[in-house]
Amino acid sequence: EAKPHIGYLHRCFEKHAENLPYQQ
């Protein structure tokens, strides 16, 4: 079995995008 664990490099991209103008 090989179970991947992710989330160590979370960048919050989608939350950033909701708080910035489109160009930024």
PDB file of all heavy atoms in Angstrom:
ATOM      1  N   GLU A   1       0.854  -1.187   0.000  1.00  0.00           N
ATOM      2  CA  GLU A   1       0.000   0.000   0.000  1.00  0.00           C
ATOM      3  C   GLU A   1       0.884   1.229   0.000  1.00  0.00           C
ATOM      4  O   GLU A   1       1.937   1.250   0.645  1.00  0.00           O
ATOM      5  CB  GLU A   1      -0.918  -0.001   1.229  1.00  0.00           C
ATOM      6  CG  GLU A   1      -1.892   1.169   1.278  1.00  0.00           C
ATOM      7  CD  GLU A   1      -2.743   1.166   2.540  1.00  0.00           C
ATOM      8  OE1 GLU A   1      -2.666   0.181   3.304  1.00  0.00           O
ATOM      9  OE2 GLU A   1      -3.460   2.157   2.757  1.00  0.00           O
ATOM     10  N   ALA A   2       0.469   2.250  -0.740  1.00  0.00           N
ATOM     11  CA  ALA A   2       1.216   3.513  -0.780  1.00  0.00           C
ATOM     12  C   ALA A   2       0.212   4.650  -0.692  1.00  0.00           C
ATOM     13  O   ALA A   2      -0.481   4.965  -1.665  1.00  0.00           O
ATOM     14  CB  ALA A   2       2.045   3.620  -2.049  1.00  0.00           C
ATOM     15  N   LYS A   3       0.122   5.257   0.474  1.00  0.00           N
ATOM     16  CA  LYS A   3      -0.880   6.292   0.725  1.00  0.00           C
ATOM     17  C   LYS A   3      -0.213   7.666   0.714  1.00  0.00           C
ATOM     18  O   LYS A   3       0.638   7.955   1.552  1.00  0.00           O
ATOM     19  CB  LYS A   3      -1.554   6.054   2.071  1.00  0.00           C
ATOM     20  CG  LYS A   3      -2.696   7.027   2.382  1.00  0.00           C
ATOM     21  CD  LYS A   3      -3.219   6.825   3.803  1.00  0.00           C
ATOM     22  CE  LYS A   3      -3.793   5.435   3.974  1.00  0.00           C
ATOM     23  NZ  LYS A   3      -4.352   5.264   5.348  1.00  0.00           N
ATOM     24  N   PRO A   4      -0.587   8.537  -0.255  1.00  0.00           N
ATOM     25  CA  PRO A   4      -0.002   9.882  -0.286  1.00  0.00           C
ATOM     26  C   PRO A   4      -0.621  10.786   0.779  1.00  0.00           C
ATOM     27  O   PRO A   4      -1.825  10.737   1.021  1.00  0.00           O
ATOM     28  CB  PRO A   4      -0.345  10.394  -1.692  1.00  0.00           C
ATOM     29  CG  PRO A   4      -0.965   9.247  -2.418  1.00  0.00           C
ATOM     30  CD  PRO A   4      -1.480   8.300  -1.386  1.00  0.00           C
ATOM     31  N   HIS A   5       0.215  11.603   1.412  1.00  0.00           N
ATOM     32  CA  HIS A   5      -0.251  12.630   2.352  1.00  0.00           C
ATOM     33  C   HIS A   5       0.189  13.986   1.798  1.00  0.00           C
ATOM     34  O   HIS A   5       1.386  14.240   1.649  1.00  0.00           O
ATOM     35  CB  HIS A   5       0.338  12.407   3.744  1.00  0.00           C
ATOM     36  CG  HIS A   5      -0.174  11.174   4.427  1.00  0.00           C
ATOM     37  ND1 HIS A   5      -1.268  11.191   5.251  1.00  0.00           N
ATOM     38  CD2 HIS A   5       0.255   9.885   4.385  1.00  0.00           C
ATOM     39  CE1 HIS A   5      -1.496   9.959   5.711  1.00  0.00           C
ATOM     40  NE2 HIS A   5      -0.580   9.161   5.193  1.00  0.00           N
ATOM     41  N   ILE A   6      -0.777  14.828   1.488  1.00  0.00           N
ATOM     42  CA  ILE A   6      -0.469  16.131   0.904  1.00  0.00           C
ATOM     43  C   ILE A   6      -0.829  17.232   1.901  1.00  0.00           C
ATOM     44  O   ILE A   6      -1.304  16.967   2.998  1.00  0.00           O
ATOM     45  CB  ILE A   6      -1.219  16.330  -0.429  1.00  0.00           C
ATOM     46  CG1 ILE A   6      -2.736  16.321  -0.183  1.00  0.00           C
ATOM     47  CG2 ILE A   6      -0.834  15.258  -1.427  1.00  0.00           C
ATOM     48  CD1 ILE A   6      -3.564  16.642  -1.405  1.00  0.00           C
ATOM     49  N   GLY A   7      -0.583  18.479   1.517  1.00  0.00           N
ATOM     50  CA  GLY A   7      -0.944  19.610   2.366  1.00  0.00           C
ATOM     51  C   GLY A   7       0.224  20.277   3.050  1.00  0.00           C
ATOM     52  O   GLY A   7       0.035  21.225   3.805  1.00  0.00           O
ATOM     53  N   TYR A   8       1.448  19.817   2.783  1.00  0.00           N
ATOM     54  CA  TYR A   8       2.619  20.408   3.430  1.00  0.00           C
ATOM     55  C   TYR A   8       3.071  21.700   2.740  1.00  0.00           C
ATOM     56  O   TYR A   8       3.926  22.407   3.248  1.00  0.00           O
ATOM     57  CB  TYR A   8       3.783  19.407   3.421  1.00  0.00           C
ATOM     58  CG  TYR A   8       3.568  18.197   4.299  1.00  0.00           C
ATOM     59  CD1 TYR A   8       2.948  17.054   3.804  1.00  0.00           C
ATOM     60  CD2 TYR A   8       3.984  18.185   5.629  1.00  0.00           C
ATOM     61  CE1 TYR A   8       2.742  15.942   4.600  1.00  0.00           C
ATOM     62  CE2 TYR A   8       3.780  17.084   6.436  1.00  0.00           C
ATOM     63  CZ  TYR A   8       3.163  15.969   5.916  1.00  0.00           C
ATOM     64  OH  TYR A   8       2.962  14.868   6.718  1.00  0.00           O
ATOM     65  N   LEU A   9       2.508  21.985   1.571  1.00  0.00           N
ATOM     66  CA  LEU A   9       2.931  23.163   0.806  1.00  0.00           C
ATOM     67  C   LEU A   9       1.723  24.041   0.468  1.00  0.00           C
ATOM     68  O   LEU A   9       1.649  24.653  -0.574  1.00  0.00           O
ATOM     69  CB  LEU A   9       3.636  22.712  -0.488  1.00  0.00           C
ATOM     70  CG  LEU A   9       4.497  23.744  -1.214  1.00  0.00           C
ATOM     71  CD1 LEU A   9       5.671  24.175  -0.352  1.00  0.00           C
ATOM     72  CD2 LEU A   9       5.009  23.174  -2.527  1.00  0.00           C
ATOM     73  N   HIS A  10       0.741  24.064   1.366  1.00  0.00           N
ATOM     74  CA  HIS A  10      -0.504  24.778   1.068  1.00  0.00           C
ATOM     75  C   HIS A  10      -0.235  26.265   0.901  1.00  0.00           C
ATOM     76  O   HIS A  10       0.351  26.896   1.775  1.00  0.00           O
ATOM     77  CB  HIS A  10      -1.520  24.540   2.175  1.00  0.00           C
ATOM     78  CG  HIS A  10      -2.877  25.082   1.875  1.00  0.00           C
ATOM     79  ND1 HIS A  10      -3.455  24.997   0.622  1.00  0.00           N
ATOM     80  CD2 HIS A  10      -3.783  25.719   2.647  1.00  0.00           C
ATOM     81  CE1 HIS A  10      -4.647  25.547   0.655  1.00  0.00           C
ATOM     82  NE2 HIS A  10      -4.871  26.005   1.881  1.00  0.00           N
ATOM     83  N   ARG A  11      -0.696  26.842  -0.210  1.00  0.00           N
ATOM     84  CA  ARG A  11      -0.391  28.229  -0.546  1.00  0.00           C
ATOM     85  C   ARG A  11      -1.594  29.155  -0.464  1.00  0.00           C
ATOM     86  O   ARG A  11      -1.479  30.342  -0.771  1.00  0.00           O
ATOM     87  CB  ARG A  11       0.201  28.286  -1.956  1.00  0.00           C
ATOM     88  CG  ARG A  11       1.530  27.557  -2.025  1.00  0.00           C
ATOM     89  CD  ARG A  11       2.097  27.546  -3.415  1.00  0.00           C
ATOM     90  NE  ARG A  11       3.415  26.915  -3.378  1.00  0.00           N
ATOM     91  CZ  ARG A  11       4.506  27.462  -3.870  1.00  0.00           C
ATOM     92  NH1 ARG A  11       4.465  28.647  -4.406  1.00  0.00           N
ATOM     93  NH2 ARG A  11       5.661  26.839  -3.807  1.00  0.00           N
ATOM     94  N   CYS A  12      -2.753  28.619  -0.149  1.00  0.00           N
ATOM     95  CA  CYS A  12      -3.957  29.443   0.007  1.00  0.00           C
ATOM     96  C   CYS A  12      -4.288  30.230  -1.252  1.00  0.00           C
ATOM     97  O   CYS A  12      -4.814  31.346  -1.185  1.00  0.00           O
ATOM     98  CB  CYS A  12      -3.823  30.407   1.186  1.00  0.00           C
ATOM     99  SG  CYS A  12      -3.443  29.615   2.749  1.00  0.00           S
ATOM    100  N   PHE A  13      -4.000  29.654  -2.418  1.00  0.00           N
ATOM    101  CA  PHE A  13      -4.198  30.395  -3.664  1.00  0.00           C
ATOM    102  C   PHE A  13      -5.638  30.859  -3.824  1.00  0.00           C
ATOM    103  O   PHE A  13      -5.915  32.026  -4.125  1.00  0.00           O
ATOM    104  CB  PHE A  13      -3.794  29.540  -4.867  1.00  0.00           C
ATOM    105  CG  PHE A  13      -4.289  30.087  -6.183  1.00  0.00           C
ATOM    106  CD1 PHE A  13      -3.684  31.189  -6.747  1.00  0.00           C
ATOM    107  CD2 PHE A  13      -5.396  29.538  -6.819  1.00  0.00           C
ATOM    108  CE1 PHE A  13      -4.159  31.729  -7.935  1.00  0.00           C
ATOM    109  CE2 PHE A  13      -5.872  30.059  -8.004  1.00  0.00           C
ATOM    110  CZ  PHE A  13      -5.251  31.157  -8.575  1.00  0.00           C
ATOM    111  N   GLU A  14      -6.584  29.947  -3.632  1.00  0.00           N
ATOM    112  CA  GLU A  14      -7.979  30.285  -3.902  1.00  0.00           C
ATOM    113  C   GLU A  14      -8.496  31.350  -2.941  1.00  0.00           C
ATOM    114  O   GLU A  14      -9.287  32.221  -3.332  1.00  0.00           O
ATOM    115  CB  GLU A  14      -8.830  29.017  -3.851  1.00  0.00           C
ATOM    116  CG  GLU A  14      -8.466  28.045  -4.982  1.00  0.00           C
ATOM    117  CD  GLU A  14      -9.195  26.720  -4.876  1.00  0.00           C
ATOM    118  OE1 GLU A  14     -10.033  26.576  -3.965  1.00  0.00           O
ATOM    119  OE2 GLU A  14      -8.934  25.831  -5.706  1.00  0.00           O
ATOM    120  N   LYS A  15      -8.050  31.311  -1.690  1.00  0.00           N
ATOM    121  CA  LYS A  15      -8.477  32.338  -0.732  1.00  0.00           C
ATOM    122  C   LYS A  15      -7.824  33.679  -1.059  1.00  0.00           C
ATOM    123  O   LYS A  15      -8.459  34.740  -0.927  1.00  0.00           O
ATOM    124  CB  LYS A  15      -8.106  31.906   0.688  1.00  0.00           C
ATOM    125  CG  LYS A  15      -8.917  32.620   1.761  1.00  0.00           C
ATOM    126  CD  LYS A  15     -10.405  32.303   1.612  1.00  0.00           C
ATOM    127  CE  LYS A  15     -11.241  33.057   2.627  1.00  0.00           C
ATOM    128  NZ  LYS A  15     -12.685  32.827   2.417  1.00  0.00           N
ATOM    129  N   HIS A  16      -6.569  33.660  -1.470  1.00  0.00           N
ATOM    130  CA  HIS A  16      -5.924  34.900  -1.919  1.00  0.00           C
ATOM    131  C   HIS A  16      -6.716  35.518  -3.071  1.00  0.00           C
ATOM    132  O   HIS A  16      -6.934  36.736  -3.114  1.00  0.00           O
ATOM    133  CB  HIS A  16      -4.497  34.613  -2.392  1.00  0.00           C
ATOM    134  CG  HIS A  16      -3.499  34.493  -1.282  1.00  0.00           C
ATOM    135  ND1 HIS A  16      -3.393  35.418  -0.272  1.00  0.00           N
ATOM    136  CD2 HIS A  16      -2.547  33.561  -1.047  1.00  0.00           C
ATOM    137  CE1 HIS A  16      -2.427  35.051   0.557  1.00  0.00           C
ATOM    138  NE2 HIS A  16      -1.902  33.932   0.111  1.00  0.00           N
ATOM    139  N   ALA A  17      -7.118  34.662  -4.031  1.00  0.00           N
ATOM    140  CA  ALA A  17      -7.790  35.159  -5.234  1.00  0.00           C
ATOM    141  C   ALA A  17      -9.105  35.863  -4.908  1.00  0.00           C
ATOM    142  O   ALA A  17      -9.521  36.780  -5.628  1.00  0.00           O
ATOM    143  CB  ALA A  17      -8.036  34.001  -6.208  1.00  0.00           C
ATOM    144  N   GLU A  18      -9.764  35.454  -3.839  1.00  0.00           N
ATOM    145  CA  GLU A  18     -11.044  36.054  -3.478  1.00  0.00           C
ATOM    146  C   GLU A  18     -10.879  37.406  -2.778  1.00  0.00           C
ATOM    147  O   GLU A  18     -11.872  38.099  -2.541  1.00  0.00           O
ATOM    148  CB  GLU A  18     -11.823  35.104  -2.567  1.00  0.00           C
ATOM    149  CG  GLU A  18     -12.218  33.803  -3.248  1.00  0.00           C
ATOM    150  CD  GLU A  18     -12.717  32.772  -2.255  1.00  0.00           C
ATOM    151  OE1 GLU A  18     -13.022  33.161  -1.103  1.00  0.00           O
ATOM    152  OE2 GLU A  18     -12.795  31.585  -2.624  1.00  0.00           O
ATOM    153  N   ASN A  19      -9.654  37.775  -2.459  1.00  0.00           N
ATOM    154  CA  ASN A  19      -9.418  39.020  -1.720  1.00  0.00           C
ATOM    155  C   ASN A  19      -8.505  39.978  -2.463  1.00  0.00           C
ATOM    156  O   ASN A  19      -7.996  40.935  -1.869  1.00  0.00           O
ATOM    157  CB  ASN A  19      -8.812  38.698  -0.348  1.00  0.00           C
ATOM    158  CG  ASN A  19      -9.790  37.980   0.563  1.00  0.00           C
ATOM    159  OD1 ASN A  19     -10.592  38.604   1.241  1.00  0.00           O
ATOM    160  ND2 ASN A  19      -9.722  36.656   0.588  1.00  0.00           N
ATOM    161  N   LEU A  20      -8.310  39.751  -3.752  1.00  0.00           N
ATOM    162  CA  LEU A  20      -7.445  40.606  -4.552  1.00  0.00           C
ATOM    163  C   LEU A  20      -8.151  40.979  -5.851  1.00  0.00           C
ATOM    164  O   LEU A  20      -8.956  40.202  -6.370  1.00  0.00           O
ATOM    165  CB  LEU A  20      -6.130  39.887  -4.888  1.00  0.00           C
ATOM    166  CG  LEU A  20      -5.180  39.602  -3.731  1.00  0.00           C
ATOM    167  CD1 LEU A  20      -4.068  38.665  -4.191  1.00  0.00           C
ATOM    168  CD2 LEU A  20      -4.579  40.908  -3.211  1.00  0.00           C
ATOM    169  N   PRO A  21      -7.840  42.145  -6.423  1.00  0.00           N
ATOM    170  CA  PRO A  21      -8.359  42.468  -7.759  1.00  0.00           C
ATOM    171  C   PRO A  21      -7.912  41.421  -8.780  1.00  0.00           C
ATOM    172  O   PRO A  21      -6.883  40.773  -8.613  1.00  0.00           O
ATOM    173  CB  PRO A  21      -7.736  43.845  -8.047  1.00  0.00           C
ATOM    174  CG  PRO A  21      -7.450  44.420  -6.706  1.00  0.00           C
ATOM    175  CD  PRO A  21      -7.091  43.264  -5.827  1.00  0.00           C
ATOM    176  N   TYR A  22      -8.685  41.281  -9.836  1.00  0.00           N
ATOM    177  CA  TYR A  22      -8.435  40.233 -10.824  1.00  0.00           C
ATOM    178  C   TYR A  22      -6.996  40.240 -11.332  1.00  0.00           C
ATOM    179  O   TYR A  22      -6.361  39.178 -11.449  1.00  0.00           O
ATOM    180  CB  TYR A  22      -9.398  40.390 -12.007  1.00  0.00           C
ATOM    181  CG  TYR A  22     -10.804  39.930 -11.715  1.00  0.00           C
ATOM    182  CD1 TYR A  22     -11.750  40.821 -11.196  1.00  0.00           C
ATOM    183  CD2 TYR A  22     -11.199  38.628 -11.950  1.00  0.00           C
ATOM    184  CE1 TYR A  22     -13.044  40.416 -10.925  1.00  0.00           C
ATOM    185  CE2 TYR A  22     -12.497  38.205 -11.692  1.00  0.00           C
ATOM    186  CZ  TYR A  22     -13.414  39.095 -11.166  1.00  0.00           C
ATOM    187  OH  TYR A  22     -14.695  38.682 -10.893  1.00  0.00           O
ATOM    188  N   GLN A  23      -6.464  41.412 -11.648  1.00  0.00           N
ATOM    189  CA  GLN A  23      -5.113  41.487 -12.200  1.00  0.00           C
ATOM    190  C   GLN A  23      -4.059  41.046 -11.190  1.00  0.00           C
ATOM    191  O   GLN A  23      -3.031  40.480 -11.552  1.00  0.00           O
ATOM    192  CB  GLN A  23      -4.803  42.923 -12.656  1.00  0.00           C
ATOM    193  CG  GLN A  23      -5.584  43.363 -13.884  1.00  0.00           C
ATOM    194  CD  GLN A  23      -4.961  42.857 -15.179  1.00  0.00           C
ATOM    195  OE1 GLN A  23      -4.474  41.739 -15.242  1.00  0.00           O
ATOM    196  NE2 GLN A  23      -4.981  43.679 -16.212  1.00  0.00           N
ATOM    197  N   GLN A  24      -4.309  41.303  -9.895  1.00  0.00           N
ATOM    198  CA  GLN A  24      -3.304  40.973  -8.889  1.00  0.00           C
ATOM    199  C   GLN A  24      -3.277  39.491  -8.529  1.00  0.00           C
ATOM    200  O   GLN A  24      -2.398  39.049  -7.794  1.00  0.00           O
ATOM    201  CB  GLN A  24      -3.548  41.815  -7.631  1.00  0.00           C
ATOM    202  CG  GLN A  24      -3.301  43.298  -7.841  1.00  0.00           C
ATOM    203  CD  GLN A  24      -3.473  44.112  -6.569  1.00  0.00           C
ATOM    204  OE1 GLN A  24      -3.374  43.584  -5.466  1.00  0.00           O
ATOM    205  NE2 GLN A  24      -3.725  45.415  -6.723  1.00  0.00           N
TER     206      GLN A  24
END
